[in-house]
PDB file of N, CA and C in Angstrom:
ATOM      1  N   UNK A   1     105.817 128.684  25.907  1.00  0.00           N
ATOM      2  CA  UNK A   1     106.033 129.429  24.689  1.00  0.00           C
ATOM      3  C   UNK A   1     106.365 130.872  25.053  1.00  0.00           C
ATOM      4  N   UNK A   2     107.446 131.369  24.531  1.00  0.00           N
ATOM      5  CA  UNK A   2     107.850 132.745  24.766  1.00  0.00           C
ATOM      6  C   UNK A   2     107.207 133.612  23.701  1.00  0.00           C
ATOM      7  N   UNK A   3     106.349 134.541  24.105  1.00  0.00           N
ATOM      8  CA  UNK A   3     105.658 135.403  23.145  1.00  0.00           C
ATOM      9  C   UNK A   3     106.410 136.694  22.905  1.00  0.00           C
ATOM     10  N   UNK A   4     106.855 137.335  23.966  1.00  0.00           N
ATOM     11  CA  UNK A   4     107.536 138.615  23.851  1.00  0.00           C
ATOM     12  C   UNK A   4     108.831 138.562  24.648  1.00  0.00           C
ATOM     13  N   UNK A   5     109.915 138.050  24.059  1.00  0.00           N
ATOM     14  CA  UNK A   5     111.173 138.007  24.815  1.00  0.00           C
ATOM     15  C   UNK A   5     111.648 139.415  25.135  1.00  0.00           C
ATOM     16  N   UNK A   6     112.285 139.566  26.263  1.00  0.00           N
ATOM     17  CA  UNK A   6     112.818 140.854  26.686  1.00  0.00           C
ATOM     18  C   UNK A   6     114.168 140.609  27.347  1.00  0.00           C
ATOM     19  N   UNK A   7     115.067 141.540  27.195  1.00  0.00           N
ATOM     20  CA  UNK A   7     116.390 141.411  27.780  1.00  0.00           C
ATOM     21  C   UNK A   7     116.400 141.981  29.187  1.00  0.00           C
ATOM     22  N   UNK A   8     117.132 141.328  30.061  1.00  0.00           N
ATOM     23  CA  UNK A   8     117.324 141.806  31.431  1.00  0.00           C
ATOM     24  C   UNK A   8     118.766 141.504  31.817  1.00  0.00           C
ATOM     25  N   UNK A   9     119.277 142.205  32.804  1.00  0.00           N
ATOM     26  CA  UNK A   9     120.656 142.030  33.240  1.00  0.00           C
ATOM     27  C   UNK A   9     120.690 141.766  34.737  1.00  0.00           C
ATOM     28  N   UNK A  10     121.498 140.798  35.136  1.00  0.00           N
ATOM     29  CA  UNK A  10     121.688 140.522  36.558  1.00  0.00           C
ATOM     30  C   UNK A  10     122.544 141.613  37.170  1.00  0.00           C
ATOM     31  N   UNK A  11     122.152 142.094  38.340  1.00  0.00           N
ATOM     32  CA  UNK A  11     122.948 143.111  39.034  1.00  0.00           C
ATOM     33  C   UNK A  11     124.103 142.440  39.765  1.00  0.00           C
ATOM     34  N   UNK A  12     124.950 143.231  40.337  1.00  0.00           N
ATOM     35  CA  UNK A  12     126.088 142.718  41.085  1.00  0.00           C
ATOM     36  C   UNK A  12     125.706 141.923  42.316  1.00  0.00           C
ATOM     37  N   UNK A  13     124.486 142.108  42.804  1.00  0.00           N
ATOM     38  CA  UNK A  13     124.025 141.346  43.973  1.00  0.00           C
ATOM     39  C   UNK A  13     123.055 140.234  43.577  1.00  0.00           C
ATOM     40  N   UNK A  14     122.932 139.972  42.275  1.00  0.00           N
ATOM     41  CA  UNK A  14     122.127 138.848  41.807  1.00  0.00           C
ATOM     42  C   UNK A  14     120.665 139.136  41.567  1.00  0.00           C
ATOM     43  N   UNK A  15     120.266 140.395  41.562  1.00  0.00           N
ATOM     44  CA  UNK A  15     118.867 140.704  41.289  1.00  0.00           C
ATOM     45  C   UNK A  15     118.670 140.982  39.804  1.00  0.00           C
ATOM     46  N   UNK A  16     117.453 140.752  39.353  1.00  0.00           N
ATOM     47  CA  UNK A  16     117.093 141.043  37.974  1.00  0.00           C
ATOM     48  C   UNK A  16     115.697 141.652  37.971  1.00  0.00           C
ATOM     49  N   UNK A  17     115.494 142.674  37.160  1.00  0.00           N
ATOM     50  CA  UNK A  17     114.163 143.264  37.027  1.00  0.00           C
ATOM     51  C   UNK A  17     113.475 142.607  35.845  1.00  0.00           C
ATOM     52  N   UNK A  18     112.332 141.989  36.106  1.00  0.00           N
ATOM     53  CA  UNK A  18     111.570 141.331  35.053  1.00  0.00           C
ATOM     54  C   UNK A  18     110.646 142.373  34.423  1.00  0.00           C
ATOM     55  N   UNK A  19     110.724 142.564  33.120  1.00  0.00           N
ATOM     56  CA  UNK A  19     109.879 143.568  32.464  1.00  0.00           C
ATOM     57  C   UNK A  19     108.394 143.315  32.716  1.00  0.00           C
ATOM     58  N   UNK A  20     107.624 144.402  32.868  1.00  0.00           N
ATOM     59  CA  UNK A  20     106.199 144.291  33.167  1.00  0.00           C
ATOM     60  C   UNK A  20     105.440 143.487  32.118  1.00  0.00           C
ATOM     61  N   UNK A  21     105.810 143.585  30.848  1.00  0.00           N
ATOM     62  CA  UNK A  21     105.142 142.817  29.801  1.00  0.00           C
ATOM     63  C   UNK A  21     105.295 141.319  30.000  1.00  0.00           C
ATOM     64  N   UNK A  22     106.478 140.895  30.418  1.00  0.00           N
ATOM     65  CA  UNK A  22     106.720 139.476  30.682  1.00  0.00           C
ATOM     66  C   UNK A  22     105.893 139.026  31.879  1.00  0.00           C
ATOM     67  N   UNK A  23     105.865 139.846  32.925  1.00  0.00           N
ATOM     68  CA  UNK A  23     105.046 139.512  34.090  1.00  0.00           C
ATOM     69  C   UNK A  23     103.573 139.400  33.717  1.00  0.00           C
ATOM     70  N   UNK A  24     103.095 140.344  32.920  1.00  0.00           N
ATOM     71  CA  UNK A  24     101.689 140.323  32.512  1.00  0.00           C
ATOM     72  C   UNK A  24     101.366 139.070  31.712  1.00  0.00           C
ATOM     73  N   UNK A  25     102.244 138.684  30.780  1.00  0.00           N
ATOM     74  CA  UNK A  25     102.009 137.467  29.992  1.00  0.00           C
ATOM     75  C   UNK A  25     101.952 136.232  30.876  1.00  0.00           C
ATOM     76  N   UNK A  26     102.723 136.253  31.971  1.00  0.00           N
ATOM     77  CA  UNK A  26     102.751 135.113  32.882  1.00  0.00           C
ATOM     78  C   UNK A  26     101.627 135.167  33.912  1.00  0.00           C
ATOM     79  N   UNK A  27     100.847 136.248  33.884  1.00  0.00           N
ATOM     80  CA  UNK A  27      99.765 136.376  34.845  1.00  0.00           C
ATOM     81  C   UNK A  27     100.244 136.777  36.229  1.00  0.00           C
ATOM     82  N   UNK A  28     101.408 137.415  36.303  1.00  0.00           N
ATOM     83  CA  UNK A  28     101.965 137.863  37.571  1.00  0.00           C
ATOM     84  C   UNK A  28     101.937 139.381  37.627  1.00  0.00           C
ATOM     85  N   UNK A  29     101.937 139.916  38.829  1.00  0.00           N
ATOM     86  CA  UNK A  29     101.988 141.365  38.994  1.00  0.00           C
ATOM     87  C   UNK A  29     103.052 141.688  40.026  1.00  0.00           C
ATOM     88  N   UNK A  30     103.566 142.924  40.004  1.00  0.00           N
ATOM     89  CA  UNK A  30     104.554 143.310  41.005  1.00  0.00           C
ATOM     90  C   UNK A  30     104.023 143.040  42.417  1.00  0.00           C
ATOM     91  N   UNK A  31     104.854 142.490  43.254  1.00  0.00           N
ATOM     92  CA  UNK A  31     104.461 142.157  44.621  1.00  0.00           C
ATOM     93  C   UNK A  31     103.937 140.742  44.791  1.00  0.00           C
ATOM     94  N   UNK A  32     103.768 139.999  43.683  1.00  0.00           N
ATOM     95  CA  UNK A  32     103.264 138.623  43.770  1.00  0.00           C
ATOM     96  C   UNK A  32     104.268 137.742  44.514  1.00  0.00           C
ATOM     97  N   UNK A  33     103.768 136.822  45.310  1.00  0.00           N
ATOM     98  CA  UNK A  33     104.621 135.855  46.000  1.00  0.00           C
ATOM     99  C   UNK A  33     105.005 134.761  45.002  1.00  0.00           C
ATOM    100  N   UNK A  34     106.306 134.554  44.823  1.00  0.00           N
ATOM    101  CA  UNK A  34     106.786 133.560  43.872  1.00  0.00           C
ATOM    102  C   UNK A  34     107.834 132.656  44.521  1.00  0.00           C
ATOM    103  N   UNK A  35     108.061 131.520  43.891  1.00  0.00           N
ATOM    104  CA  UNK A  35     109.118 130.588  44.264  1.00  0.00           C
ATOM    105  C   UNK A  35     110.078 130.540  43.084  1.00  0.00           C
ATOM    106  N   UNK A  36     111.370 130.594  43.355  1.00  0.00           N
ATOM    107  CA  UNK A  36     112.393 130.619  42.316  1.00  0.00           C
ATOM    108  C   UNK A  36     113.330 129.443  42.532  1.00  0.00           C
ATOM    109  N   UNK A  37     113.622 128.689  41.443  1.00  0.00           N
ATOM    110  CA  UNK A  37     114.586 127.600  41.557  1.00  0.00           C
ATOM    111  C   UNK A  37     115.262 127.354  40.221  1.00  0.00           C
ATOM    112  N   UNK A  38     116.403 126.693  40.278  1.00  0.00           N
ATOM    113  CA  UNK A  38     117.174 126.386  39.079  1.00  0.00           C
ATOM    114  C   UNK A  38     116.599 125.153  38.399  1.00  0.00           C
ATOM    115  N   UNK A  39     116.596 125.176  37.080  1.00  0.00           N
ATOM    116  CA  UNK A  39     116.156 124.024  36.279  1.00  0.00           C
ATOM    117  C   UNK A  39     117.301 123.581  35.367  1.00  0.00           C
ATOM    118  N   UNK A  40     118.506 123.692  35.881  1.00  0.00           N
ATOM    119  CA  UNK A  40     119.666 123.266  35.105  1.00  0.00           C
ATOM    120  C   UNK A  40     120.463 124.446  34.592  1.00  0.00           C
ATOM    121  N   UNK A  41     121.404 124.153  33.744  1.00  0.00           N
ATOM    122  CA  UNK A  41     122.351 125.131  33.233  1.00  0.00           C
ATOM    123  C   UNK A  41     121.655 126.264  32.490  1.00  0.00           C
ATOM    124  N   UNK A  42     121.708 127.466  33.048  1.00  0.00           N
ATOM    125  CA  UNK A  42     121.164 128.643  32.383  1.00  0.00           C
ATOM    126  C   UNK A  42     119.669 128.814  32.466  1.00  0.00           C
ATOM    127  N   UNK A  43     118.991 128.006  33.280  1.00  0.00           N
ATOM    128  CA  UNK A  43     117.530 128.098  33.367  1.00  0.00           C
ATOM    129  C   UNK A  43     117.102 128.359  34.801  1.00  0.00           C
ATOM    130  N   UNK A  44     116.247 129.349  34.979  1.00  0.00           N
ATOM    131  CA  UNK A  44     115.682 129.667  36.289  1.00  0.00           C
ATOM    132  C   UNK A  44     114.166 129.700  36.134  1.00  0.00           C
ATOM    133  N   UNK A  45     113.477 129.038  37.035  1.00  0.00           N
ATOM    134  CA  UNK A  45     112.018 128.970  37.009  1.00  0.00           C
ATOM    135  C   UNK A  45     111.469 129.921  38.072  1.00  0.00           C
ATOM    136  N   UNK A  46     110.488 130.713  37.696  1.00  0.00           N
ATOM    137  CA  UNK A  46     109.776 131.594  38.623  1.00  0.00           C
ATOM    138  C   UNK A  46     108.310 131.187  38.551  1.00  0.00           C
ATOM    139  N   UNK A  47     107.760 130.740  39.685  1.00  0.00           N
ATOM    140  CA  UNK A  47     106.367 130.277  39.706  1.00  0.00           C
ATOM    141  C   UNK A  47     105.604 130.955  40.834  1.00  0.00           C
ATOM    142  N   UNK A  48     104.293 131.093  40.632  1.00  0.00           N
ATOM    143  CA  UNK A  48     103.450 131.585  41.731  1.00  0.00           C
ATOM    144  C   UNK A  48     103.624 130.643  42.918  1.00  0.00           C
ATOM    145  N   UNK A  49     103.758 131.221  44.086  1.00  0.00           N
ATOM    146  CA  UNK A  49     103.908 130.408  45.287  1.00  0.00           C
ATOM    147  C   UNK A  49     102.695 129.508  45.482  1.00  0.00           C
ATOM    148  N   UNK A  50     101.497 130.048  45.248  1.00  0.00           N
ATOM    149  CA  UNK A  50     100.276 129.255  45.448  1.00  0.00           C
ATOM    150  C   UNK A  50     100.210 128.070  44.480  1.00  0.00           C
ATOM    151  N   UNK A  51     100.660 128.248  43.232  1.00  0.00           N
ATOM    152  CA  UNK A  51     100.670 127.138  42.265  1.00  0.00           C
ATOM    153  C   UNK A  51     101.643 126.056  42.701  1.00  0.00           C
ATOM    154  N   UNK A  52     102.804 126.474  43.188  1.00  0.00           N
ATOM    155  CA  UNK A  52     103.827 125.523  43.613  1.00  0.00           C
ATOM    156  C   UNK A  52     103.344 124.706  44.797  1.00  0.00           C
ATOM    157  N   UNK A  53     102.746 125.375  45.771  1.00  0.00           N
ATOM    158  CA  UNK A  53     102.243 124.674  46.955  1.00  0.00           C
ATOM    159  C   UNK A  53     101.128 123.716  46.570  1.00  0.00           C
ATOM    160  N   UNK A  54     100.199 124.170  45.712  1.00  0.00           N
ATOM    161  CA  UNK A  54      99.093 123.313  45.281  1.00  0.00           C
ATOM    162  C   UNK A  54      99.613 122.068  44.564  1.00  0.00           C
ATOM    163  N   UNK A  55     100.570 122.225  43.652  1.00  0.00           N
ATOM    164  CA  UNK A  55     101.113 121.080  42.919  1.00  0.00           C
ATOM    165  C   UNK A  55     101.830 120.119  43.865  1.00  0.00           C
ATOM    166  N   UNK A  56     102.568 120.664  44.803  1.00  0.00           N
ATOM    167  CA  UNK A  56     103.264 119.815  45.770  1.00  0.00           C
ATOM    168  C   UNK A  56     102.279 118.996  46.586  1.00  0.00           C
ATOM    169  N   UNK A  57     101.191 119.616  47.015  1.00  0.00           N
ATOM    170  CA  UNK A  57     100.179 118.893  47.793  1.00  0.00           C
ATOM    171  C   UNK A  57      99.455 117.846  46.963  1.00  0.00           C
ATOM    172  N   UNK A  58      99.180 118.154  45.689  1.00  0.00           N
ATOM    173  CA  UNK A  58      98.450 117.232  44.819  1.00  0.00           C
ATOM    174  C   UNK A  58      99.297 116.053  44.354  1.00  0.00           C
ATOM    175  N   UNK A  59     100.564 116.310  44.028  1.00  0.00           N
ATOM    176  CA  UNK A  59     101.383 115.262  43.414  1.00  0.00           C
ATOM    177  C   UNK A  59     102.543 114.809  44.274  1.00  0.00           C
ATOM    178  N   UNK A  60     102.904 115.601  45.240  1.00  0.00           N
ATOM    179  CA  UNK A  60     104.077 115.266  46.060  1.00  0.00           C
ATOM    180  C   UNK A  60     105.386 115.615  45.391  1.00  0.00           C
ATOM    181  N   UNK A  61     105.323 116.226  44.183  1.00  0.00           N
ATOM    182  CA  UNK A  61     106.547 116.636  43.465  1.00  0.00           C
ATOM    183  C   UNK A  61     106.331 117.989  42.830  1.00  0.00           C
ATOM    184  N   UNK A  62     107.439 118.622  42.471  1.00  0.00           N
ATOM    185  CA  UNK A  62     107.370 119.896  41.765  1.00  0.00           C
ATOM    186  C   UNK A  62     107.533 119.683  40.292  1.00  0.00           C
TER     187      UNK A  62
END
């Protein structure tokens, strides 16, 4: 559920700054280790690295 949508723009080198409010809602802070992957057309998933590793070990899938 998206609580506080915020606009961001991709830079010429493919970086995007995620607003601090969005990070806070997701329970992330600047400097957090994350895993990023595509979830289809127009969707990018950003997850805590530790959550991704734990799920992979528990289920064998992401």
